[in-house]
Full PDB file with SEQRES, HELIX, SHEET, SSBOND, CRYST1, ORIGX, SCALE, CONECT and MASTER records, all heavy atoms in Angstrom:
SEQRES   1 A   36  LEU GLU GLU LEU PHE GLY SER THR SER ALA LYS VAL GLU          
SEQRES   2 A   36  PHE ASP ASP SER GLU LEU GLN ILE PHE LYS ASN ILE GLN          
SEQRES   3 A   36  ASP GLU LEU ASN LYS SER ASP ARG ASP LEU                      
HELIX    1 AA1 GLU A    2  PHE A    5  1                                   4    
HELIX    2 AA2 ASP A   16  ASN A   30  1                                  15    
CRYST1    1.000    1.000    1.000  90.00  90.00  90.00 P 1           1          
ORIGX1      1.000000  0.000000  0.000000        0.00000                         
ORIGX2      0.000000  1.000000  0.000000        0.00000                         
ORIGX3      0.000000  0.000000  1.000000        0.00000                         
SCALE1      1.000000  0.000000  0.000000        0.00000                         
SCALE2      0.000000  1.000000  0.000000        0.00000                         
SCALE3      0.000000  0.000000  1.000000        0.00000                         
ATOM      1  N   LEU A   1     106.800  84.656 114.847  1.00  0.00           N  
ATOM      2  CA  LEU A   1     107.353  85.236 113.630  1.00  0.00           C  
ATOM      3  C   LEU A   1     106.274  85.940 112.808  1.00  0.00           C  
ATOM      4  O   LEU A   1     106.509  86.998 112.227  1.00  0.00           O  
ATOM      5  CB  LEU A   1     108.016  84.148 112.786  1.00  0.00           C  
ATOM      6  CG  LEU A   1     109.343  83.581 113.314  1.00  0.00           C  
ATOM      7  CD1 LEU A   1     109.833  82.460 112.416  1.00  0.00           C  
ATOM      8  CD2 LEU A   1     110.401  84.666 113.432  1.00  0.00           C  
ATOM      9  N   GLU A   2     105.082  85.354 112.777  1.00  0.00           N  
ATOM     10  CA  GLU A   2     103.995  85.967 112.020  1.00  0.00           C  
ATOM     11  C   GLU A   2     103.580  87.296 112.639  1.00  0.00           C  
ATOM     12  O   GLU A   2     103.311  88.268 111.934  1.00  0.00           O  
ATOM     13  CB  GLU A   2     102.800  85.007 111.969  1.00  0.00           C  
ATOM     14  CG  GLU A   2     101.693  85.424 111.023  1.00  0.00           C  
ATOM     15  CD  GLU A   2     102.092  85.348 109.565  1.00  0.00           C  
ATOM     16  OE1 GLU A   2     103.143  84.748 109.235  1.00  0.00           O  
ATOM     17  OE2 GLU A   2     101.355  85.921 108.733  1.00  0.00           O  
ATOM     18  N   GLU A   3     103.557  87.346 113.960  1.00  0.00           N  
ATOM     19  CA  GLU A   3     103.196  88.592 114.636  1.00  0.00           C  
ATOM     20  C   GLU A   3     104.221  89.689 114.373  1.00  0.00           C  
ATOM     21  O   GLU A   3     103.870  90.855 114.169  1.00  0.00           O  
ATOM     22  CB  GLU A   3     103.080  88.356 116.151  1.00  0.00           C  
ATOM     23  CG  GLU A   3     102.789  89.623 116.936  1.00  0.00           C  
ATOM     24  CD  GLU A   3     103.026  89.463 118.434  1.00  0.00           C  
ATOM     25  OE1 GLU A   3     103.308  88.326 118.876  1.00  0.00           O  
ATOM     26  OE2 GLU A   3     102.969  90.473 119.143  1.00  0.00           O  
ATOM     27  N   LEU A   4     105.503  89.313 114.363  1.00  0.00           N  
ATOM     28  CA  LEU A   4     106.568  90.305 114.246  1.00  0.00           C  
ATOM     29  C   LEU A   4     106.870  90.698 112.803  1.00  0.00           C  
ATOM     30  O   LEU A   4     107.281  91.841 112.551  1.00  0.00           O  
ATOM     31  CB  LEU A   4     107.844  89.762 114.905  1.00  0.00           C  
ATOM     32  CG  LEU A   4     107.766  89.504 116.404  1.00  0.00           C  
ATOM     33  CD1 LEU A   4     109.056  88.865 116.895  1.00  0.00           C  
ATOM     34  CD2 LEU A   4     107.498  90.799 117.161  1.00  0.00           C  
ATOM     35  N   PHE A   5     106.701  89.766 111.861  1.00  0.00           N  
ATOM     36  CA  PHE A   5     107.132  90.033 110.491  1.00  0.00           C  
ATOM     37  C   PHE A   5     106.073  89.731 109.429  1.00  0.00           C  
ATOM     38  O   PHE A   5     106.269  90.099 108.270  1.00  0.00           O  
ATOM     39  CB  PHE A   5     108.390  89.218 110.164  1.00  0.00           C  
ATOM     40  CG  PHE A   5     109.540  89.456 111.100  1.00  0.00           C  
ATOM     41  CD1 PHE A   5     109.844  88.549 112.098  1.00  0.00           C  
ATOM     42  CD2 PHE A   5     110.316  90.604 110.992  1.00  0.00           C  
ATOM     43  CE1 PHE A   5     110.914  88.766 112.969  1.00  0.00           C  
ATOM     44  CE2 PHE A   5     111.375  90.834 111.851  1.00  0.00           C  
ATOM     45  CZ  PHE A   5     111.680  89.910 112.849  1.00  0.00           C  
ATOM     46  N   GLY A   6     104.984  89.080 109.781  1.00  0.00           N  
ATOM     47  CA  GLY A   6     104.018  88.626 108.789  1.00  0.00           C  
ATOM     48  C   GLY A   6     102.933  89.634 108.467  1.00  0.00           C  
ATOM     49  O   GLY A   6     102.923  90.769 108.961  1.00  0.00           O  
ATOM     50  N   SER A   7     102.006  89.197 107.628  1.00  0.00           N  
ATOM     51  CA  SER A   7     100.863  90.030 107.262  1.00  0.00           C  
ATOM     52  C   SER A   7      99.870  90.086 108.410  1.00  0.00           C  
ATOM     53  O   SER A   7      99.830  89.199 109.262  1.00  0.00           O  
ATOM     54  CB  SER A   7     100.169  89.463 106.016  1.00  0.00           C  
ATOM     55  OG  SER A   7     101.059  89.400 104.929  1.00  0.00           O  
ATOM     56  N   THR A   8      99.075  91.128 108.424  1.00  0.00           N  
ATOM     57  CA  THR A   8      98.037  91.277 109.433  1.00  0.00           C  
ATOM     58  C   THR A   8      96.679  91.313 108.760  1.00  0.00           C  
ATOM     59  O   THR A   8      96.545  91.776 107.623  1.00  0.00           O  
ATOM     60  CB  THR A   8      98.248  92.561 110.257  1.00  0.00           C  
ATOM     61  OG1 THR A   8      97.160  92.722 111.173  1.00  0.00           O  
ATOM     62  CG2 THR A   8      98.319  93.800 109.366  1.00  0.00           C  
ATOM     63  N   SER A   9      95.681  90.804 109.452  1.00  0.00           N  
ATOM     64  CA  SER A   9      94.327  90.814 108.899  1.00  0.00           C  
ATOM     65  C   SER A   9      93.688  92.192 108.983  1.00  0.00           C  
ATOM     66  O   SER A   9      92.691  92.470 108.306  1.00  0.00           O  
ATOM     67  CB  SER A   9      93.451  89.795 109.642  1.00  0.00           C  
ATOM     68  OG  SER A   9      93.433  90.072 111.043  1.00  0.00           O  
ATOM     69  N   ALA A  10      94.256  93.054 109.820  1.00  0.00           N  
ATOM     70  CA  ALA A  10      93.731  94.415 109.948  1.00  0.00           C  
ATOM     71  C   ALA A  10      94.061  95.223 108.700  1.00  0.00           C  
ATOM     72  O   ALA A  10      95.032  94.946 107.993  1.00  0.00           O  
ATOM     73  CB  ALA A  10      94.307  95.085 111.188  1.00  0.00           C  
ATOM     74  N   LYS A  11      93.251  96.233 108.438  1.00  0.00           N  
ATOM     75  CA  LYS A  11      93.501  97.105 107.300  1.00  0.00           C  
ATOM     76  C   LYS A  11      94.711  97.975 107.589  1.00  0.00           C  
ATOM     77  O   LYS A  11      94.796  98.606 108.634  1.00  0.00           O  
ATOM     78  CB  LYS A  11      92.277  97.981 107.018  1.00  0.00           C  
ATOM     79  CG  LYS A  11      92.419  98.824 105.754  1.00  0.00           C  
ATOM     80  CD  LYS A  11      91.158  99.634 105.475  1.00  0.00           C  
ATOM     81  CE  LYS A  11      91.325 100.458 104.203  1.00  0.00           C  
ATOM     82  NZ  LYS A  11      90.115 101.263 103.910  1.00  0.00           N  
ATOM     83  N   VAL A  12      95.660  97.997 106.679  1.00  0.00           N  
ATOM     84  CA  VAL A  12      96.881  98.784 106.858  1.00  0.00           C  
ATOM     85  C   VAL A  12      96.965  99.829 105.754  1.00  0.00           C  
ATOM     86  O   VAL A  12      96.469  99.636 104.644  1.00  0.00           O  
ATOM     87  CB  VAL A  12      98.140  97.889 106.859  1.00  0.00           C  
ATOM     88  CG1 VAL A  12      98.140  96.967 108.061  1.00  0.00           C  
ATOM     89  CG2 VAL A  12      98.233  97.071 105.573  1.00  0.00           C  
ATOM     90  N   GLU A  13      97.622 100.935 106.059  1.00  0.00           N  
ATOM     91  CA  GLU A  13      97.761 102.028 105.108  1.00  0.00           C  
ATOM     92  C   GLU A  13      99.195 102.548 105.136  1.00  0.00           C  
ATOM     93  O   GLU A  13      99.953 102.270 106.060  1.00  0.00           O  
ATOM     94  CB  GLU A  13      96.787 103.164 105.442  1.00  0.00           C  
ATOM     95  CG  GLU A  13      95.319 102.783 105.346  1.00  0.00           C  
ATOM     96  CD  GLU A  13      94.847 102.512 103.925  1.00  0.00           C  
ATOM     97  OE1 GLU A  13      95.596 102.872 102.979  1.00  0.00           O  
ATOM     98  OE2 GLU A  13      93.759 101.940 103.755  1.00  0.00           O  
ATOM     99  N   PHE A  14      99.547 103.338 104.119  1.00  0.00           N  
ATOM    100  CA  PHE A  14     100.822 104.023 104.106  1.00  0.00           C  
ATOM    101  C   PHE A  14     100.804 105.145 105.146  1.00  0.00           C  
ATOM    102  O   PHE A  14      99.738 105.682 105.482  1.00  0.00           O  
ATOM    103  CB  PHE A  14     101.089 104.642 102.731  1.00  0.00           C  
ATOM    104  CG  PHE A  14     101.285 103.636 101.626  1.00  0.00           C  
ATOM    105  CD1 PHE A  14     100.381 103.546 100.578  1.00  0.00           C  
ATOM    106  CD2 PHE A  14     102.377 102.781 101.629  1.00  0.00           C  
ATOM    107  CE1 PHE A  14     100.555 102.642  99.560  1.00  0.00           C  
ATOM    108  CE2 PHE A  14     102.563 101.867 100.614  1.00  0.00           C  
ATOM    109  CZ  PHE A  14     101.656 101.791  99.577  1.00  0.00           C  
ATOM    110  N   ASP A  15     101.990 105.501 105.641  1.00  0.00           N  
ATOM    111  CA  ASP A  15     102.039 106.710 106.458  1.00  0.00           C  
ATOM    112  C   ASP A  15     102.122 107.915 105.514  1.00  0.00           C  
ATOM    113  O   ASP A  15     102.169 107.774 104.286  1.00  0.00           O  
ATOM    114  CB  ASP A  15     103.190 106.667 107.465  1.00  0.00           C  
ATOM    115  CG  ASP A  15     104.573 106.753 106.817  1.00  0.00           C  
ATOM    116  OD1 ASP A  15     104.654 107.050 105.604  1.00  0.00           O  
ATOM    117  OD2 ASP A  15     105.575 106.531 107.527  1.00  0.00           O  
ATOM    118  N   ASP A  16     102.124 109.109 106.081  1.00  0.00           N  
ATOM    119  CA  ASP A  16     102.024 110.320 105.256  1.00  0.00           C  
ATOM    120  C   ASP A  16     103.171 110.446 104.259  1.00  0.00           C  
ATOM    121  O   ASP A  16     102.974 110.838 103.104  1.00  0.00           O  
ATOM    122  CB  ASP A  16     101.980 111.559 106.159  1.00  0.00           C  
ATOM    123  CG  ASP A  16     100.697 111.630 106.972  1.00  0.00           C  
ATOM    124  OD1 ASP A  16      99.724 110.954 106.571  1.00  0.00           O  
ATOM    125  OD2 ASP A  16     100.677 112.318 108.008  1.00  0.00           O  
ATOM    126  N   SER A  17     104.407 110.127 104.708  1.00  0.00           N  
ATOM    127  CA  SER A  17     105.566 110.273 103.820  1.00  0.00           C  
ATOM    128  C   SER A  17     105.543 109.245 102.697  1.00  0.00           C  
ATOM    129  O   SER A  17     105.986 109.519 101.572  1.00  0.00           O  
ATOM    130  CB  SER A  17     106.866 110.143 104.629  1.00  0.00           C  
ATOM    131  OG  SER A  17     106.928 108.890 105.277  1.00  0.00           O  
ATOM    132  N   GLU A  18     105.017 108.060 102.960  1.00  0.00           N  
ATOM    133  CA  GLU A  18     104.975 106.998 101.949  1.00  0.00           C  
ATOM    134  C   GLU A  18     103.826 107.196 100.962  1.00  0.00           C  
ATOM    135  O   GLU A  18     103.967 106.891  99.771  1.00  0.00           O  
ATOM    136  CB  GLU A  18     104.822 105.638 102.629  1.00  0.00           C  
ATOM    137  CG  GLU A  18     105.986 105.250 103.529  1.00  0.00           C  
ATOM    138  CD  GLU A  18     105.638 104.113 104.459  1.00  0.00           C  
ATOM    139  OE1 GLU A  18     104.431 103.797 104.622  1.00  0.00           O  
ATOM    140  OE2 GLU A  18     106.580 103.543 105.066  1.00  0.00           O  
ATOM    141  N   LEU A  19     102.698 107.703 101.453  1.00  0.00           N  
ATOM    142  CA  LEU A  19     101.488 107.770 100.636  1.00  0.00           C  
ATOM    143  C   LEU A  19     101.687 108.617  99.385  1.00  0.00           C  
ATOM    144  O   LEU A  19     101.363 108.189  98.269  1.00  0.00           O  
ATOM    145  CB  LEU A  19     100.328 108.318 101.462  1.00  0.00           C  
ATOM    146  CG  LEU A  19      98.992 108.482 100.733  1.00  0.00           C  
ATOM    147  CD1 LEU A  19      98.519 107.133 100.203  1.00  0.00           C  
ATOM    148  CD2 LEU A  19      97.947 109.105 101.655  1.00  0.00           C  
ATOM    149  N   GLN A  20     102.229 109.813  99.548  1.00  0.00           N  
ATOM    150  CA  GLN A  20     102.382 110.710  98.405  1.00  0.00           C  
ATOM    151  C   GLN A  20     103.400 110.179  97.414  1.00  0.00           C  
ATOM    152  O   GLN A  20     103.224 110.283  96.201  1.00  0.00           O  
ATOM    153  CB  GLN A  20     102.782 112.109  98.885  1.00  0.00           C  
ATOM    154  CG  GLN A  20     102.760 113.170  97.790  1.00  0.00           C  
ATOM    155  CD  GLN A  20     101.390 113.288  97.140  1.00  0.00           C  
ATOM    156  OE1 GLN A  20     100.371 113.406  97.814  1.00  0.00           O  
ATOM    157  NE2 GLN A  20     101.354 113.239  95.806  1.00  0.00           N  
ATOM    158  N   ILE A  21     104.474 109.583  97.934  1.00  0.00           N  
ATOM    159  CA  ILE A  21     105.496 109.023  97.038  1.00  0.00           C  
ATOM    160  C   ILE A  21     104.903 107.886  96.215  1.00  0.00           C  
ATOM    161  O   ILE A  21     105.090 107.817  94.990  1.00  0.00           O  
ATOM    162  CB  ILE A  21     106.713 108.527  97.843  1.00  0.00           C  
ATOM    163  CG1 ILE A  21     107.370 109.681  98.599  1.00  0.00           C  
ATOM    164  CG2 ILE A  21     107.728 107.860  96.919  1.00  0.00           C  
ATOM    165  CD1 ILE A  21     108.459 109.238  99.557  1.00  0.00           C  
ATOM    166  N   PHE A  22     104.189 106.993  96.881  1.00  0.00           N  
ATOM    167  CA  PHE A  22     103.601 105.855  96.158  1.00  0.00           C  
ATOM    168  C   PHE A  22     102.588 106.337  95.124  1.00  0.00           C  
ATOM    169  O   PHE A  22     102.534 105.807  94.005  1.00  0.00           O  
ATOM    170  CB  PHE A  22     102.941 104.883  97.133  1.00  0.00           C  
ATOM    171  CG  PHE A  22     102.336 103.682  96.454  1.00  0.00           C  
ATOM    172  CD1 PHE A  22     103.138 102.640  96.033  1.00  0.00           C  
ATOM    173  CD2 PHE A  22     100.970 103.621  96.209  1.00  0.00           C  
ATOM    174  CE1 PHE A  22     102.592 101.536  95.386  1.00  0.00           C  
ATOM    175  CE2 PHE A  22     100.415 102.529  95.565  1.00  0.00           C  
ATOM    176  CZ  PHE A  22     101.233 101.485  95.152  1.00  0.00           C  
ATOM    177  N   LYS A  23     101.797 107.348  95.477  1.00  0.00           N  
ATOM    178  CA  LYS A  23     100.813 107.881  94.532  1.00  0.00           C  
ATOM    179  C   LYS A  23     101.513 108.470  93.306  1.00  0.00           C  
ATOM    180  O   LYS A  23     101.057 108.277  92.174  1.00  0.00           O  
ATOM    181  CB  LYS A  23      99.949 108.943  95.211  1.00  0.00           C  
ATOM    182  CG  LYS A  23      98.773 109.427  94.363  1.00  0.00           C  
ATOM    183  CD  LYS A  23      97.919 110.399  95.133  1.00  0.00           C  
ATOM    184  CE  LYS A  23      96.691 110.816  94.318  1.00  0.00           C  
ATOM    185  NZ  LYS A  23      97.022 111.351  92.984  1.00  0.00           N  
ATOM    186  N   ASN A  24     102.628 109.172  93.528  1.00  0.00           N  
ATOM    187  CA  ASN A  24     103.379 109.728  92.404  1.00  0.00           C  
ATOM    188  C   ASN A  24     103.928 108.627  91.501  1.00  0.00           C  
ATOM    189  O   ASN A  24     103.910 108.743  90.263  1.00  0.00           O  
ATOM    190  CB  ASN A  24     104.523 110.608  92.906  1.00  0.00           C  
ATOM    191  CG  ASN A  24     104.032 111.870  93.591  1.00  0.00           C  
ATOM    192  OD1 ASN A  24     102.891 112.291  93.391  1.00  0.00           O  
ATOM    193  ND2 ASN A  24     104.884 112.479  94.405  1.00  0.00           N  
ATOM    194  N   ILE A  25     104.437 107.549  92.120  1.00  0.00           N  
ATOM    195  CA  ILE A  25     104.955 106.411  91.349  1.00  0.00           C  
ATOM    196  C   ILE A  25     103.840 105.771  90.544  1.00  0.00           C  
ATOM    197  O   ILE A  25     103.984 105.484  89.342  1.00  0.00           O  
ATOM    198  CB  ILE A  25     105.613 105.388  92.294  1.00  0.00           C  
ATOM    199  CG1 ILE A  25     106.876 105.971  92.930  1.00  0.00           C  
ATOM    200  CG2 ILE A  25     105.942 104.096  91.544  1.00  0.00           C  
ATOM    201  CD1 ILE A  25     107.473 105.106  94.017  1.00  0.00           C  
ATOM    202  N   GLN A  26     102.721 105.543  91.201  1.00  0.00           N  
ATOM    203  CA  GLN A  26     101.582 104.899  90.537  1.00  0.00           C  
ATOM    204  C   GLN A  26     101.065 105.745  89.374  1.00  0.00           C  
ATOM    205  O   GLN A  26     100.775 105.214  88.291  1.00  0.00           O  
ATOM    206  CB  GLN A  26     100.477 104.665  91.569  1.00  0.00           C  
ATOM    207  CG  GLN A  26      99.400 103.689  91.148  1.00  0.00           C  
ATOM    208  CD  GLN A  26      98.478 103.374  92.296  1.00  0.00           C  
ATOM    209  OE1 GLN A  26      98.136 104.238  93.097  1.00  0.00           O  
ATOM    210  NE2 GLN A  26      98.042 102.121  92.390  1.00  0.00           N  
ATOM    211  N   ASP A  27     100.973 107.055  89.595  1.00  0.00           N  
ATOM    212  CA  ASP A  27     100.487 107.949  88.536  1.00  0.00           C  
ATOM    213  C   ASP A  27     101.432 107.930  87.328  1.00  0.00           C  
ATOM    214  O   ASP A  27     100.982 107.933  86.178  1.00  0.00           O  
ATOM    215  CB  ASP A  27     100.347 109.375  89.071  1.00  0.00           C  
ATOM    216  CG  ASP A  27      99.192 109.526  90.043  1.00  0.00           C  
ATOM    217  OD1 ASP A  27      98.339 108.613  90.085  1.00  0.00           O  
ATOM    218  OD2 ASP A  27      99.160 110.529  90.782  1.00  0.00           O  
ATOM    219  N   GLU A  28     102.737 107.913  87.610  1.00  0.00           N  
ATOM    220  CA  GLU A  28     103.715 107.915  86.516  1.00  0.00           C  
ATOM    221  C   GLU A  28     103.635 106.620  85.705  1.00  0.00           C  
ATOM    222  O   GLU A  28     103.711 106.636  84.474  1.00  0.00           O  
ATOM    223  CB  GLU A  28     105.123 108.096  87.078  1.00  0.00           C  
ATOM    224  CG  GLU A  28     106.197 108.246  86.014  1.00  0.00           C  
ATOM    225  CD  GLU A  28     105.958 109.462  85.124  1.00  0.00           C  
ATOM    226  OE1 GLU A  28     105.616 110.545  85.657  1.00  0.00           O  
ATOM    227  OE2 GLU A  28     106.086 109.317  83.884  1.00  0.00           O  
ATOM    228  N   LEU A  29     103.466 105.503  86.386  1.00  0.00           N  
ATOM    229  CA  LEU A  29     103.380 104.221  85.695  1.00  0.00           C  
ATOM    230  C   LEU A  29     102.086 104.087  84.904  1.00  0.00           C  
ATOM    231  O   LEU A  29     102.051 103.434  83.854  1.00  0.00           O  
ATOM    232  CB  LEU A  29     103.493 103.071  86.710  1.00  0.00           C  
ATOM    233  CG  LEU A  29     104.843 102.905  87.407  1.00  0.00           C  
ATOM    234  CD1 LEU A  29     104.759 101.831  88.477  1.00  0.00           C  
ATOM    235  CD2 LEU A  29     105.940 102.568  86.408  1.00  0.00           C  
ATOM    236  N   ASN A  30     101.002 104.706  85.408  1.00  0.00           N  
ATOM    237  CA  ASN A  30      99.681 104.557  84.783  1.00  0.00           C  
ATOM    238  C   ASN A  30      99.417 105.558  83.665  1.00  0.00           C  
ATOM    239  O   ASN A  30      98.407 105.431  82.960  1.00  0.00           O  
ATOM    240  CB  ASN A  30      98.579 104.706  85.834  1.00  0.00           C  
ATOM    241  CG  ASN A  30      98.434 103.458  86.683  1.00  0.00           C  
ATOM    242  OD1 ASN A  30      98.775 102.370  86.242  1.00  0.00           O  
ATOM    243  ND2 ASN A  30      97.949 103.611  87.900  1.00  0.00           N  
ATOM    244  N   LYS A  31     100.255 106.556  83.508  1.00  0.00           N  
ATOM    245  CA  LYS A  31     100.004 107.579  82.487  1.00  0.00           C  
ATOM    246  C   LYS A  31      99.795 106.931  81.118  1.00  0.00           C  
ATOM    247  O   LYS A  31     100.576 106.104  80.684  1.00  0.00           O  
ATOM    248  CB  LYS A  31     101.186 108.551  82.409  1.00  0.00           C  
ATOM    249  CG  LYS A  31     101.171 109.633  83.469  1.00  0.00           C  
ATOM    250  CD  LYS A  31     102.345 110.578  83.274  1.00  0.00           C  
ATOM    251  CE  LYS A  31     102.382 111.647  84.368  1.00  0.00           C  
ATOM    252  NZ  LYS A  31     103.569 112.525  84.216  1.00  0.00           N  
ATOM    253  N   SER A  32      98.728 107.356  80.453  1.00  0.00           N  
ATOM    254  CA  SER A  32      98.405 106.785  79.143  1.00  0.00           C  
ATOM    255  C   SER A  32      98.964 107.611  77.992  1.00  0.00           C  
ATOM    256  O   SER A  32      98.568 107.437  76.846  1.00  0.00           O  
ATOM    257  CB  SER A  32      96.883 106.661  78.989  1.00  0.00           C  
ATOM    258  OG  SER A  32      96.252 107.921  79.172  1.00  0.00           O  
ATOM    259  N   ASP A  33      99.877 108.516  78.297  1.00  0.00           N  
ATOM    260  CA  ASP A  33     100.509 109.360  77.282  1.00  0.00           C  
ATOM    261  C   ASP A  33     101.291 108.492  76.288  1.00  0.00           C  
ATOM    262  O   ASP A  33     102.183 107.722  76.678  1.00  0.00           O  
ATOM    263  CB  ASP A  33     101.441 110.365  77.968  1.00  0.00           C  
ATOM    264  CG  ASP A  33     101.968 111.421  77.010  1.00  0.00           C  
ATOM    265  OD1 ASP A  33     101.883 111.205  75.789  1.00  0.00           O  
ATOM    266  OD2 ASP A  33     102.459 112.456  77.498  1.00  0.00           O  
ATOM    267  N   ARG A  34     100.967 108.609  75.004  1.00  0.00           N  
ATOM    268  CA  ARG A  34     101.625 107.778  73.988  1.00  0.00           C  
ATOM    269  C   ARG A  34     103.097 108.113  73.847  1.00  0.00           C  
ATOM    270  O   ARG A  34     103.881 107.293  73.344  1.00  0.00           O  
ATOM    271  CB  ARG A  34     100.909 107.948  72.649  1.00  0.00           C  
ATOM    272  CG  ARG A  34      99.478 107.422  72.639  1.00  0.00           C  
ATOM    273  CD  ARG A  34      98.861 107.538  71.271  1.00  0.00           C  
ATOM    274  NE  ARG A  34      99.566 106.721  70.285  1.00  0.00           N  
ATOM    275  CZ  ARG A  34      99.247 106.688  68.997  1.00  0.00           C  
ATOM    276  NH1 ARG A  34      98.252 107.444  68.537  1.00  0.00           N  
ATOM    277  NH2 ARG A  34      99.930 105.930  68.163  1.00  0.00           N  
ATOM    278  N   ASP A  35     103.490 109.279  74.278  1.00  0.00           N  
ATOM    279  CA  ASP A  35     104.895 109.675  74.190  1.00  0.00           C  
ATOM    280  C   ASP A  35     105.750 108.999  75.268  1.00  0.00           C  
ATOM    281  O   ASP A  35     106.972 109.182  75.292  1.00  0.00           O  
ATOM    282  CB  ASP A  35     105.035 111.190  74.324  1.00  0.00           C  
ATOM    283  CG  ASP A  35     104.486 111.920  73.103  1.00  0.00           C  
ATOM    284  OD1 ASP A  35     104.472 111.307  72.013  1.00  0.00           O  
ATOM    285  OD2 ASP A  35     104.067 113.086  73.244  1.00  0.00           O  
ATOM    286  N   LEU A  36     105.115 108.248  76.165  1.00  0.00           N  
ATOM    287  CA  LEU A  36     105.844 107.578  77.247  1.00  0.00           C  
ATOM    288  C   LEU A  36     105.822 106.063  77.099  1.00  0.00           C  
ATOM    289  O   LEU A  36     106.153 105.342  78.037  1.00  0.00           O  
ATOM    290  CB  LEU A  36     105.242 107.971  78.605  1.00  0.00           C  
ATOM    291  CG  LEU A  36     105.321 109.451  78.977  1.00  0.00           C  
ATOM    292  CD1 LEU A  36     104.618 109.706  80.304  1.00  0.00           C  
ATOM    293  CD2 LEU A  36     106.775 109.910  79.063  1.00  0.00           C  
TER     294      LEU A  36                                                      
MASTER        0    0    0    2    0    0    0    6  293    1    0    3          
END                                                                             
């Protein structure tokens, strides 16, 4: 079960389609604009 569904000790990254979306989400949440 750990092999099929669990965490891995290897370094993992987003794929290309996920990376940009996550970065956009993170940037929007982190904006320090007082109007938001």
